[in-house]
Amino acid sequence: MSEAAHVAGKAPIKIAVEAGKDYYWCSCGLSAKQPFCDGHHKGSSFVPLKYTAAATGDAWFCTCKATGKAPLCDGSHKAL
């Protein structure tokens, strides 16, 4: 049985991203730097998810960790 991610929030966080830049999304939900990884996953089965921005602009990153479109929000938080 796999570990369940911690629900870090019940709404996405809007981040201004730059085209071609890499971002590392927290998949465990324990990072104090949501929505990005700060290393709190160490010792667990979780690893950060690399996201490379395709375009410069705003991106809505998931904080509930239930999205089916990780790392971006798909509205799954509405069912929590």
C-alpha atoms as a PDB file:
ATOM      1  CA  MET A   1       0.000   0.000   0.000  1.00  0.00           C
ATOM      2  CA  SER A   2       1.412   3.389  -0.946  1.00  0.00           C
ATOM      3  CA  GLU A   3       1.555   6.437   1.255  1.00  0.00           C
ATOM      4  CA  ALA A   4      -1.121   9.088   0.852  1.00  0.00           C
ATOM      5  CA  ALA A   5      -0.084  12.654   0.191  1.00  0.00           C
ATOM      6  CA  HIS A   6      -0.843  15.267   2.830  1.00  0.00           C
ATOM      7  CA  VAL A   7      -3.476  17.822   1.746  1.00  0.00           C
ATOM      8  CA  ALA A   8      -1.466  21.044   1.877  1.00  0.00           C
ATOM      9  CA  GLY A   9      -4.364  23.262   0.813  1.00  0.00           C
ATOM     10  CA  LYS A  10      -7.849  23.256  -0.656  1.00  0.00           C
ATOM     11  CA  ALA A  11      -7.222  25.789  -3.412  1.00  0.00           C
ATOM     12  CA  PRO A  12      -4.592  26.084  -6.126  1.00  0.00           C
ATOM     13  CA  ILE A  13      -1.758  28.621  -5.967  1.00  0.00           C
ATOM     14  CA  LYS A  14      -1.218  30.945  -8.932  1.00  0.00           C
ATOM     15  CA  ILE A  15       2.449  31.207  -9.891  1.00  0.00           C
ATOM     16  CA  ALA A  16       3.956  33.369 -12.635  1.00  0.00           C
ATOM     17  CA  VAL A  17       6.156  30.947 -14.594  1.00  0.00           C
ATOM     18  CA  GLU A  18       8.791  31.557 -17.252  1.00  0.00           C
ATOM     19  CA  ALA A  19       8.943  29.576 -20.508  1.00  0.00           C
ATOM     20  CA  GLY A  20      11.619  26.894 -20.404  1.00  0.00           C
ATOM     21  CA  LYS A  21      12.214  27.194 -16.646  1.00  0.00           C
ATOM     22  CA  ASP A  22      11.978  24.094 -14.453  1.00  0.00           C
ATOM     23  CA  TYR A  23       9.864  24.020 -11.298  1.00  0.00           C
ATOM     24  CA  TYR A  24       9.777  21.157  -8.779  1.00  0.00           C
ATOM     25  CA  TRP A  25       6.279  20.563  -7.420  1.00  0.00           C
ATOM     26  CA  CYS A  26       5.840  19.073  -3.950  1.00  0.00           C
ATOM     27  CA  SER A  27       4.042  15.736  -4.303  1.00  0.00           C
ATOM     28  CA  CYS A  28       4.006  14.806  -0.598  1.00  0.00           C
ATOM     29  CA  GLY A  29       2.169  17.891   0.658  1.00  0.00           C
ATOM     30  CA  LEU A  30       4.604  18.509   3.530  1.00  0.00           C
ATOM     31  CA  SER A  31       6.706  21.298   2.011  1.00  0.00           C
ATOM     32  CA  ALA A  32       6.615  24.657   3.793  1.00  0.00           C
ATOM     33  CA  LYS A  33       7.204  26.283   0.384  1.00  0.00           C
ATOM     34  CA  GLN A  34       3.985  25.129  -1.299  1.00  0.00           C
ATOM     35  CA  PRO A  35       3.461  24.373  -4.084  1.00  0.00           C
ATOM     36  CA  PHE A  36       7.167  23.646  -4.505  1.00  0.00           C
ATOM     37  CA  CYS A  37       9.442  21.068  -2.905  1.00  0.00           C
ATOM     38  CA  ASP A  38      11.648  21.919   0.067  1.00  0.00           C
ATOM     39  CA  GLY A  39      12.906  18.377   0.771  1.00  0.00           C
ATOM     40  CA  HIS A  40      10.373  17.324   3.417  1.00  0.00           C
ATOM     41  CA  HIS A  41       9.615  14.175   1.383  1.00  0.00           C
ATOM     42  CA  LYS A  42      12.986  12.630   2.299  1.00  0.00           C
ATOM     43  CA  GLY A  43      12.541   9.217   3.888  1.00  0.00           C
ATOM     44  CA  SER A  44       9.185   8.681   2.171  1.00  0.00           C
ATOM     45  CA  SER A  45       8.164   7.210  -1.179  1.00  0.00           C
ATOM     46  CA  PHE A  46       7.449  10.681  -2.580  1.00  0.00           C
ATOM     47  CA  VAL A  47       9.640  12.592  -5.014  1.00  0.00           C
ATOM     48  CA  PRO A  48       9.160  16.090  -6.414  1.00  0.00           C
ATOM     49  CA  LEU A  49       7.647  16.365  -9.883  1.00  0.00           C
ATOM     50  CA  LYS A  50       9.618  18.372 -12.433  1.00  0.00           C
ATOM     51  CA  TYR A  51       7.471  20.810 -14.412  1.00  0.00           C
ATOM     52  CA  THR A  52       8.953  22.742 -17.321  1.00  0.00           C
ATOM     53  CA  ALA A  53       6.866  25.766 -18.252  1.00  0.00           C
ATOM     54  CA  ALA A  54       5.851  25.701 -21.906  1.00  0.00           C
ATOM     55  CA  ALA A  55       5.032  29.416 -21.947  1.00  0.00           C
ATOM     56  CA  THR A  56       5.522  32.489 -19.800  1.00  0.00           C
ATOM     57  CA  GLY A  57       2.392  33.376 -17.846  1.00  0.00           C
ATOM     58  CA  ASP A  58       0.326  32.259 -14.875  1.00  0.00           C
ATOM     59  CA  ALA A  59      -0.014  28.610 -13.896  1.00  0.00           C
ATOM     60  CA  TRP A  60      -2.332  27.269 -11.190  1.00  0.00           C
ATOM     61  CA  PHE A  61      -0.461  24.659  -9.121  1.00  0.00           C
ATOM     62  CA  CYS A  62      -2.342  22.045  -7.096  1.00  0.00           C
ATOM     63  CA  THR A  63      -1.995  22.067  -3.301  1.00  0.00           C
ATOM     64  CA  CYS A  64      -4.544  19.349  -2.444  1.00  0.00           C
ATOM     65  CA  LYS A  65      -2.323  16.735  -4.153  1.00  0.00           C
ATOM     66  CA  ALA A  66      -5.385  14.972  -5.593  1.00  0.00           C
ATOM     67  CA  THR A  67      -5.163  16.425  -9.109  1.00  0.00           C
ATOM     68  CA  GLY A  68      -5.146  14.150 -12.117  1.00  0.00           C
ATOM     69  CA  LYS A  69      -3.140  16.766 -14.036  1.00  0.00           C
ATOM     70  CA  ALA A  70      -0.150  17.075 -11.662  1.00  0.00           C
ATOM     71  CA  PRO A  71       1.311  19.495 -10.964  1.00  0.00           C
ATOM     72  CA  LEU A  72      -1.517  21.716 -12.198  1.00  0.00           C
ATOM     73  CA  CYS A  73      -4.942  22.020 -10.617  1.00  0.00           C
ATOM     74  CA  ASP A  74      -7.846  20.136 -12.192  1.00  0.00           C
ATOM     75  CA  GLY A  75     -10.469  21.149  -9.610  1.00  0.00           C
ATOM     76  CA  SER A  76     -10.152  17.977  -7.497  1.00  0.00           C
ATOM     77  CA  HIS A  77      -9.969  20.123  -4.330  1.00  0.00           C
ATOM     78  CA  LYS A  78     -13.675  20.891  -4.749  1.00  0.00           C
ATOM     79  CA  ALA A  79     -14.506  17.283  -3.763  1.00  0.00           C
ATOM     80  CA  LEU A  80     -12.449  17.310  -0.536  1.00  0.00           C
END
